Protein backbone atom coordinates (compact mmCIF):
# COMPACT_ATOMS: atom_id res chain seq x y z
CA UNK A 1 34.94 29.64 11.54
CA UNK A 2 35.18 26.29 13.32
CA UNK A 3 33.98 25.58 16.84
CA UNK A 4 36.08 26.35 19.91
CA UNK A 5 36.98 22.65 20.25
CA UNK A 6 37.56 21.95 16.57
CA UNK A 7 40.27 19.29 16.21
CA UNK A 8 39.50 17.68 19.59
CA UNK A 9 38.47 14.02 19.36
CA UNK A 10 36.53 12.44 22.21
CA UNK A 11 36.04 8.73 22.85
CA UNK A 12 32.71 8.55 24.66
CA UNK A 13 32.06 5.30 26.53
CA UNK A 14 29.24 6.77 28.61
CA UNK A 15 25.48 6.20 28.56
CA UNK A 16 22.12 7.47 29.87
CA UNK A 17 22.33 11.18 30.92
CA UNK A 18 25.34 12.79 32.61
CA UNK A 19 28.08 11.43 30.35
CA UNK A 20 26.18 11.87 27.08
CA UNK A 21 25.07 15.38 28.10
CA UNK A 22 28.71 16.25 28.80
CA UNK A 23 29.92 14.98 25.42
CA UNK A 24 26.95 16.63 23.67
CA UNK A 25 28.01 20.01 25.08
CA UNK A 26 31.53 19.39 23.80
CA UNK A 27 30.17 18.34 20.39
CA UNK A 28 28.24 21.61 20.20
CA UNK A 29 31.57 23.37 20.72
CA UNK A 30 33.06 21.58 17.71
CA UNK A 31 34.62 18.43 19.17
CA UNK A 32 34.36 15.16 17.24
CA UNK A 33 32.64 12.64 19.51
CA UNK A 34 32.94 8.90 18.89
CA UNK A 35 30.17 7.23 20.88
CA UNK A 36 30.97 3.59 21.73
CA UNK A 37 27.89 1.45 22.34
CA UNK A 38 27.33 -2.23 23.10
CA UNK A 39 26.10 -4.25 20.12
CA UNK A 40 22.39 -4.92 19.71
CA UNK A 41 21.10 -2.81 22.62
CA UNK A 42 23.24 0.32 22.46
CA UNK A 43 22.88 3.11 25.00
CA UNK A 44 19.87 2.34 27.23
CA UNK A 45 18.57 5.85 26.51
CA UNK A 46 17.80 4.63 22.97
CA UNK A 47 14.89 2.68 24.45
CA UNK A 48 13.60 5.35 26.83
CA UNK A 49 11.18 8.22 26.42
CA UNK A 50 7.63 9.26 25.71
CA UNK A 51 7.38 7.84 22.15
CA UNK A 52 7.16 4.04 22.19
CA UNK A 53 7.56 3.77 18.42
CA UNK A 54 10.91 5.56 18.61
CA UNK A 55 11.94 3.37 21.55
CA UNK A 56 11.43 0.29 19.39
CA UNK A 57 13.58 1.90 16.71
CA UNK A 58 16.30 2.51 19.34
CA UNK A 59 15.96 6.24 18.72
CA UNK A 60 14.02 7.18 21.86
CA UNK A 61 13.44 10.82 22.67
CA UNK A 62 15.72 10.45 25.71
CA UNK A 63 18.52 9.51 23.32
CA UNK A 64 17.70 12.28 20.86
CA UNK A 65 18.07 14.87 23.61
CA UNK A 66 21.83 14.52 24.14
CA UNK A 67 23.40 12.66 21.22
CA UNK A 68 23.23 14.90 18.16
CA UNK A 69 26.58 15.60 16.54
CA UNK A 70 28.07 12.24 17.52
CA UNK A 71 29.25 9.17 15.60
CA UNK A 72 28.11 5.75 16.84
CA UNK A 73 30.24 2.62 16.73
CA UNK A 74 29.48 -0.78 18.25
CA UNK A 75 32.16 -2.39 20.41
CA UNK A 76 31.67 -5.11 23.00
CA UNK A 77 33.80 -4.02 25.95
CA UNK A 78 33.41 -7.50 27.49
CA UNK A 79 35.39 -9.04 24.64
CA UNK A 80 39.11 -8.85 23.91
CA UNK A 81 38.30 -7.72 20.36
CA UNK A 82 36.16 -4.90 21.68
CA UNK A 83 38.88 -3.72 24.04
CA UNK A 84 41.35 -3.94 21.16
CA UNK A 85 39.07 -1.66 19.17
CA UNK A 86 38.97 0.85 22.02
CA UNK A 87 42.76 0.74 22.28
CA UNK A 88 43.03 1.51 18.57
CA UNK A 89 40.66 4.43 18.92
CA UNK A 90 42.30 5.98 21.98
CA UNK A 91 45.53 6.40 20.05
CA UNK A 92 43.70 8.95 17.90
CA UNK A 93 41.69 10.62 20.66
CA UNK A 94 42.32 13.51 23.04
CA UNK A 95 39.70 12.66 25.66
CA UNK A 96 38.15 9.49 27.08
CA UNK A 97 34.81 9.91 28.85
CA UNK A 98 33.18 7.07 30.82
CA UNK A 99 30.64 6.58 33.58
CA UNK A 100 31.24 3.06 34.84
CA UNK A 101 31.49 2.27 38.53
CA UNK A 102 34.99 2.61 40.02
CA UNK A 103 37.16 -0.39 39.16
CA UNK A 104 35.04 -1.64 36.26
CA UNK A 105 37.30 -0.27 33.52
CA UNK A 106 40.33 -1.82 35.23
CA UNK A 107 38.56 -5.21 35.29
CA UNK A 108 37.81 -4.83 31.61
CA UNK A 109 41.49 -4.28 30.89
CA UNK A 110 41.29 -0.67 29.74
CA UNK A 111 41.66 2.10 32.30
CA UNK A 112 43.49 5.40 32.59
CA UNK A 113 46.89 3.78 33.14
CA UNK A 114 46.48 1.63 30.04
CA UNK A 115 45.30 4.62 28.02
CA UNK A 116 48.34 6.64 29.17
CA UNK A 117 50.65 3.96 27.79
CA UNK A 118 49.01 4.40 24.41
CA UNK A 119 48.62 8.18 24.56
CA UNK A 120 50.58 9.82 27.41
CA UNK A 121 48.76 13.15 27.13
CA UNK A 122 45.24 11.67 27.23
CA UNK A 123 42.57 13.45 29.26
CA UNK A 124 40.40 10.83 30.99
CA UNK A 125 37.14 11.88 32.65
CA UNK A 126 35.20 9.49 34.85
CA UNK A 127 31.69 10.47 36.00
CA UNK A 128 30.30 8.41 38.86
CA UNK A 129 27.65 8.84 41.50
CA UNK A 130 30.02 9.25 44.44
CA UNK A 131 33.54 9.49 43.01
CA UNK A 132 36.47 7.11 42.92
CA UNK A 133 37.00 6.93 46.68
CA UNK A 134 35.03 7.12 49.92
CA UNK A 135 32.65 4.67 51.63
CA UNK A 136 29.96 5.05 48.94
CA UNK A 137 32.26 4.88 45.92
CA UNK A 138 31.05 1.48 44.73
CA UNK A 139 27.35 2.21 44.90
CA UNK A 140 24.99 2.61 41.98
CA UNK A 141 23.43 6.03 41.72
CA UNK A 142 20.78 7.74 39.66
CA UNK A 143 19.78 11.38 39.69
CA UNK A 144 17.07 11.01 42.33
CA UNK A 145 19.42 9.10 44.64
CA UNK A 146 21.87 12.00 44.50
CA UNK A 147 19.06 14.54 44.95
CA UNK A 148 18.40 12.82 48.25
CA UNK A 149 22.05 12.62 49.30
CA UNK A 150 22.93 16.25 48.46
CA UNK A 151 20.03 17.76 50.41
CA UNK A 152 18.20 19.11 47.38
CA UNK A 153 15.01 17.17 48.03
CA UNK A 154 14.93 18.36 51.64
CA UNK A 155 14.85 21.97 50.38
CA UNK A 156 12.35 21.48 47.56
CA UNK A 157 8.67 22.05 48.21
CA UNK A 158 7.05 23.47 51.32
CA UNK A 159 7.32 22.25 54.89
CA UNK A 160 4.15 20.25 54.16
CA UNK A 161 5.29 18.72 50.85
CA UNK A 162 9.07 18.30 51.25
CA UNK A 163 11.03 16.22 50.53
CA UNK A 164 10.20 16.66 46.87
CA UNK A 165 12.14 15.60 43.80
CA UNK A 166 13.18 18.34 41.40
CA UNK A 167 11.18 18.28 38.18
CA UNK A 168 14.21 17.48 36.03
CA UNK A 169 17.54 15.67 36.37
CA UNK A 170 19.38 18.52 38.03
CA UNK A 171 22.18 16.39 39.56
CA UNK A 172 22.94 14.68 36.24
CA UNK A 173 23.01 18.10 34.61
CA UNK A 174 25.35 19.57 37.24
CA UNK A 175 27.69 16.60 36.83
CA UNK A 176 27.67 17.00 33.03
CA UNK A 177 28.44 20.72 33.21
CA UNK A 178 31.17 20.08 35.80
CA UNK A 179 32.75 17.41 33.63
CA UNK A 180 32.65 19.63 30.53
CA UNK A 181 34.28 22.46 32.45
CA UNK A 182 37.00 20.18 33.83
CA UNK A 183 37.72 18.62 30.42
CA UNK A 184 38.09 22.02 28.79
CA UNK A 185 40.43 23.16 31.58
CA UNK A 186 42.54 20.00 31.22
CA UNK A 187 42.72 20.43 27.45
CA UNK A 188 43.90 24.01 27.90
CA UNK A 189 46.59 22.96 30.38
CA UNK A 190 47.69 20.28 27.92
CA UNK A 191 48.31 22.91 25.24
CA UNK A 192 50.65 24.67 27.66
CA UNK A 193 52.45 21.76 29.34
CA UNK A 194 51.71 18.71 27.21
CA UNK A 195 50.36 16.90 30.26
CA UNK A 196 47.27 14.71 30.31
CA UNK A 197 44.94 14.38 33.30
CA UNK A 198 42.59 12.05 35.16
CA UNK A 199 39.35 13.82 36.10
CA UNK A 200 37.18 12.28 38.83
CA UNK A 201 33.68 13.81 38.68
CA UNK A 202 31.26 12.84 41.43
CA UNK A 203 27.58 13.61 40.92
CA UNK A 204 27.31 14.17 44.67
CA UNK A 205 30.30 16.52 44.73
CA UNK A 206 29.04 18.45 41.70
CA UNK A 207 25.59 18.79 43.25
CA UNK A 208 26.93 19.96 46.60
CA UNK A 209 29.21 22.43 44.84
CA UNK A 210 26.16 23.74 43.01
CA UNK A 211 24.41 24.21 46.35
CA UNK A 212 27.29 26.00 48.04
CA UNK A 213 25.79 29.38 47.42
CA UNK A 214 23.42 30.89 49.95
CA UNK A 215 21.79 27.80 51.55
CA UNK A 216 25.07 26.00 52.11
CA UNK A 217 26.94 29.12 53.17
CA UNK A 218 24.23 29.89 55.73
CA UNK A 219 24.71 26.42 57.18
CA UNK A 220 28.50 26.28 57.02
CA UNK A 221 29.21 29.84 58.10
CA UNK A 222 26.25 30.87 60.22
CA UNK A 223 24.99 27.56 61.56
CA UNK A 224 21.55 28.12 60.07
CA UNK A 225 19.94 24.93 58.80
CA UNK A 226 17.95 25.77 55.65
CA UNK A 227 14.38 24.55 55.44
CA UNK A 228 11.94 24.08 52.58
CA UNK A 229 10.04 27.29 51.91
CA UNK A 230 8.04 26.49 48.79
CA UNK A 231 8.16 29.48 46.47
CA UNK A 232 9.54 31.86 49.10
CA UNK A 233 13.10 33.14 49.33
CA UNK A 234 14.49 32.76 52.85
CA UNK A 235 16.80 35.75 52.49
CA UNK A 236 14.37 38.30 51.09
CA UNK A 237 10.77 39.48 50.93
CA UNK A 238 8.72 40.07 48.89
CA UNK A 239 10.25 37.26 46.85
CA UNK A 240 8.08 34.45 45.59
CA UNK A 241 4.96 33.51 43.65
CA UNK A 242 1.97 35.77 44.24
CA UNK A 243 -1.71 35.32 43.38
CA UNK A 244 -3.25 37.92 41.11
CA UNK A 245 -6.77 38.49 39.82
CA UNK A 246 -6.03 35.83 37.21
CA UNK A 247 -3.08 33.49 37.60
CA UNK A 248 0.14 33.60 39.59
CA UNK A 249 3.19 35.76 39.01
CA UNK A 250 6.76 35.61 40.30
CA UNK A 251 7.95 38.82 41.98
CA UNK A 252 11.46 39.22 43.38
CA UNK A 253 11.98 42.65 44.93
CA UNK A 254 15.25 42.04 46.72
CA UNK A 255 16.42 45.57 47.45
CA UNK A 256 14.78 48.69 48.87
CA UNK A 257 14.41 50.51 45.56
CA UNK A 258 12.72 47.49 43.96
CA UNK A 259 10.34 47.16 46.90
CA UNK A 260 9.37 50.80 46.77
CA UNK A 261 8.89 50.65 42.99
CA UNK A 262 6.64 47.61 43.50
CA UNK A 263 4.49 49.48 46.02
CA UNK A 264 4.08 52.42 43.65
CA UNK A 265 3.37 50.21 40.63
CA UNK A 266 0.53 48.29 42.29
CA UNK A 267 -1.02 51.46 43.74
CA UNK A 268 -0.02 50.90 47.36
CA UNK A 269 2.54 53.64 48.13
CA UNK A 270 1.62 53.58 51.83
CA UNK A 271 3.28 50.15 52.16
CA UNK A 272 6.65 51.86 51.68
CA UNK A 273 6.34 53.50 55.09
CA UNK A 274 4.33 50.81 56.90
CA UNK A 275 6.40 50.14 60.09
CA UNK A 276 6.32 46.35 59.60
CA UNK A 277 7.81 46.60 56.14
CA UNK A 278 10.19 49.57 56.06
CA UNK A 279 13.42 47.51 56.02
CA UNK A 280 14.43 44.32 54.29
CA UNK A 281 14.80 42.39 57.54
CA UNK A 282 11.41 43.57 58.80
CA UNK A 283 9.86 42.41 55.53
CA UNK A 284 11.47 38.98 55.98
CA UNK A 285 10.15 38.79 59.54
CA UNK A 286 6.63 39.81 58.47
CA UNK A 287 6.61 38.08 55.08
CA UNK A 288 3.20 36.46 55.56
CA UNK A 289 1.55 39.76 56.49
CA UNK A 290 3.25 41.50 53.56
CA UNK A 291 1.98 38.84 51.18
CA UNK A 292 -1.59 39.40 52.31
CA UNK A 293 -1.27 43.15 51.71
CA UNK A 294 0.35 42.81 48.29
CA UNK A 295 -2.15 40.26 47.03
CA UNK A 296 -5.03 42.62 47.88
CA UNK A 297 -3.73 45.00 45.21
CA UNK A 298 -2.50 42.33 42.81
CA UNK A 299 -6.06 40.97 42.73
CA UNK A 300 -7.15 43.99 40.65
CA UNK A 301 -5.38 42.70 37.50
CA UNK A 302 -4.30 39.40 35.99
CA UNK A 303 -0.74 38.05 35.91
CA UNK A 304 -0.27 38.98 32.23
CA UNK A 305 -1.19 42.62 32.87
CA UNK A 306 0.94 42.83 36.00
CA UNK A 307 3.90 41.40 34.10
CA UNK A 308 3.78 44.39 31.75
CA UNK A 309 3.20 46.93 34.54
CA UNK A 310 6.02 45.64 36.72
CA UNK A 311 8.47 45.38 33.83
CA UNK A 312 7.85 49.05 33.03
CA UNK A 313 8.49 49.88 36.70
CA UNK A 314 11.78 47.92 36.69
CA UNK A 315 10.49 45.45 39.25
CA UNK A 316 11.86 41.93 38.60
CA UNK A 317 8.81 39.82 37.83
CA UNK A 318 7.63 37.22 35.36
CA UNK A 319 5.02 34.62 34.49
CA UNK A 320 5.09 30.98 35.55
CA UNK A 321 5.19 29.11 32.26
CA UNK A 322 4.84 25.47 31.43
CA UNK A 323 7.57 23.96 29.27
CA UNK A 324 5.59 24.31 26.03
CA UNK A 325 5.04 28.02 26.70
CA UNK A 326 8.68 28.51 27.65
CA UNK A 327 9.96 27.02 24.40
CA UNK A 328 7.50 29.07 22.33
CA UNK A 329 8.34 32.35 24.05
CA UNK A 330 9.71 35.06 21.71
CA UNK A 331 12.78 35.50 23.91
CA UNK A 332 13.70 31.84 23.52
CA UNK A 333 13.11 32.06 19.77
CA UNK A 334 15.36 35.13 19.53
CA UNK A 335 18.18 33.31 21.29
CA UNK A 336 17.92 30.28 18.93
CA UNK A 337 18.45 27.80 21.74
CA UNK A 338 16.35 25.19 19.90
CA UNK A 339 17.70 23.45 16.80
CA UNK A 340 15.37 21.51 14.52
CA UNK A 341 16.52 18.65 12.31
CA UNK A 342 14.64 17.59 9.20
CA UNK A 343 12.96 14.21 8.81
CA UNK A 344 15.94 12.21 7.52
CA UNK A 345 17.04 10.79 10.88
CA UNK A 346 13.80 9.43 12.39
CA UNK A 347 11.23 9.95 9.68
CA UNK A 348 9.97 13.27 10.99
CA UNK A 349 11.36 16.60 12.10
CA UNK A 350 12.58 16.84 15.70
CA UNK A 351 14.24 19.40 17.93
CA UNK A 352 17.11 19.49 20.41
CA UNK A 353 18.51 22.16 22.74
CA UNK A 354 21.71 24.03 22.05
CA UNK A 355 24.07 25.46 24.69
CA UNK A 356 23.10 28.12 27.18
CA UNK A 357 25.37 30.72 25.60
CA UNK A 358 26.19 32.21 22.22
CA UNK A 359 29.53 33.23 20.73
CA UNK A 360 30.56 36.28 18.77
CA UNK A 361 32.28 33.96 16.30
CA UNK A 362 29.12 31.98 15.59
CA UNK A 363 26.34 29.95 17.19
CA UNK A 364 27.58 26.70 18.84
CA UNK A 365 25.95 23.98 16.77
CA UNK A 366 26.06 20.44 15.45
CA UNK A 367 25.30 19.28 11.93
CA UNK A 368 24.95 15.52 12.49
CA UNK A 369 21.63 14.24 13.84
CA UNK A 370 21.69 11.66 16.65
CA UNK A 371 23.18 8.51 15.07
CA UNK A 372 21.61 5.15 14.46
CA UNK A 373 23.25 2.40 16.49
CA UNK A 374 26.55 1.50 14.81
CA UNK A 375 25.92 3.98 12.00
CA UNK A 376 29.58 4.92 11.76
CA UNK A 377 31.21 1.51 12.23
CA UNK A 378 32.69 1.43 8.75
CA UNK A 379 33.77 5.07 8.72
CA UNK A 380 35.43 4.96 12.13
CA UNK A 381 36.47 1.33 12.65
CA UNK A 382 36.82 0.10 9.11
CA UNK A 383 35.43 -3.19 7.90
CA UNK A 384 36.74 -5.22 10.86
CA UNK A 385 34.29 -4.75 13.73
CA UNK A 386 35.39 -5.86 17.17
CA UNK A 387 32.19 -7.38 18.51
CA UNK A 388 32.93 -10.99 19.43
CA UNK A 389 31.74 -13.09 22.39
CA UNK A 390 32.21 -11.78 25.94
CA UNK A 391 35.06 -12.85 28.15
CA UNK A 392 33.74 -15.29 30.78
CA UNK A 393 36.02 -13.97 33.53
CA UNK A 394 35.12 -10.30 33.09
CA UNK A 395 32.42 -8.70 35.21
CA UNK A 396 29.50 -7.20 33.31
CA UNK A 397 30.05 -3.44 33.10
CA UNK A 398 27.75 -1.51 35.40
CA UNK A 399 26.98 2.11 34.80
CA UNK A 400 27.50 4.21 37.87
CA UNK A 401 24.62 6.62 37.41
CA UNK A 402 21.75 7.85 35.31
């Protein structure tokens, strides 16, 4: 059985992270993705990552991460021939995805209005740092810039270490997921009404929407300004990372039953009736004192042993793994979230991540490895390649974000 998006063709003009991650998710669902790249250099991600030899080959690990399943063609969007090539392609496509700063595509002579004249039901998705309007719309933005603007850095770390950057590109990822969701919704509506759509995805908006759970709701609806709390949970206790006799373990005992089960499991049943800790709110108020008491008992075993004990007691708990350990965990292996390609693409085997869900009809997957720059020029564009000299009057395209 084909993927959920089989038959959908996407013209991907994006680069770096958010746009390519969006189109990669859609490729995993069965869409055909035509990745348009500038001649010679290609997507900047081709030259980024931890393996310098691959960077020189324009197959950097940053590029490998989000470009499997795609076809690469070279078109110079600063030339009339390149724009003509894009126009030809859009006539056969269902979706256009781009991440240029607002106004850049119009200056290049190919924007949503032009695309609509060619294909009236086109779905156009633009991912930018701040959106198409507002006082910051024209600014460049990368993930860390948006982490600062959306408040994430102010909440990450402890009061002593904040502001702290998240350890991965969380704002790019939120924008990519938001864009994928919006594109799928627009494609569904198109099957019903025949209408196309213009989708304006802001990394800042997507990040704020991702935060509008408990921290944002506490601010907006209760006037409580959230503060960085390190590994603690402001709404519950015990909830955080606790020292054991060997290593640290995460324990999240949010409700009364979980707390009481925790006390029994560690051999401290008297803490269930200790006046400072008998209710959830009292435990939040006396969280530091409760931590001291719990860690006295947790010191009798290591984190690995406590993980087993607490799991058997139905207390939510787990180890704190590094990325290597996480990917090698049996649970991750059972879910098949990692796909490994053979050595034909870059001279050695390499792995990429699949989607964060499975389907009853089959595992979302891609068969094509990340493409070499311009690998599919002949197959997609034919022998005539639109890569002539740039137009002198056209502004150099500027990507809006990482």
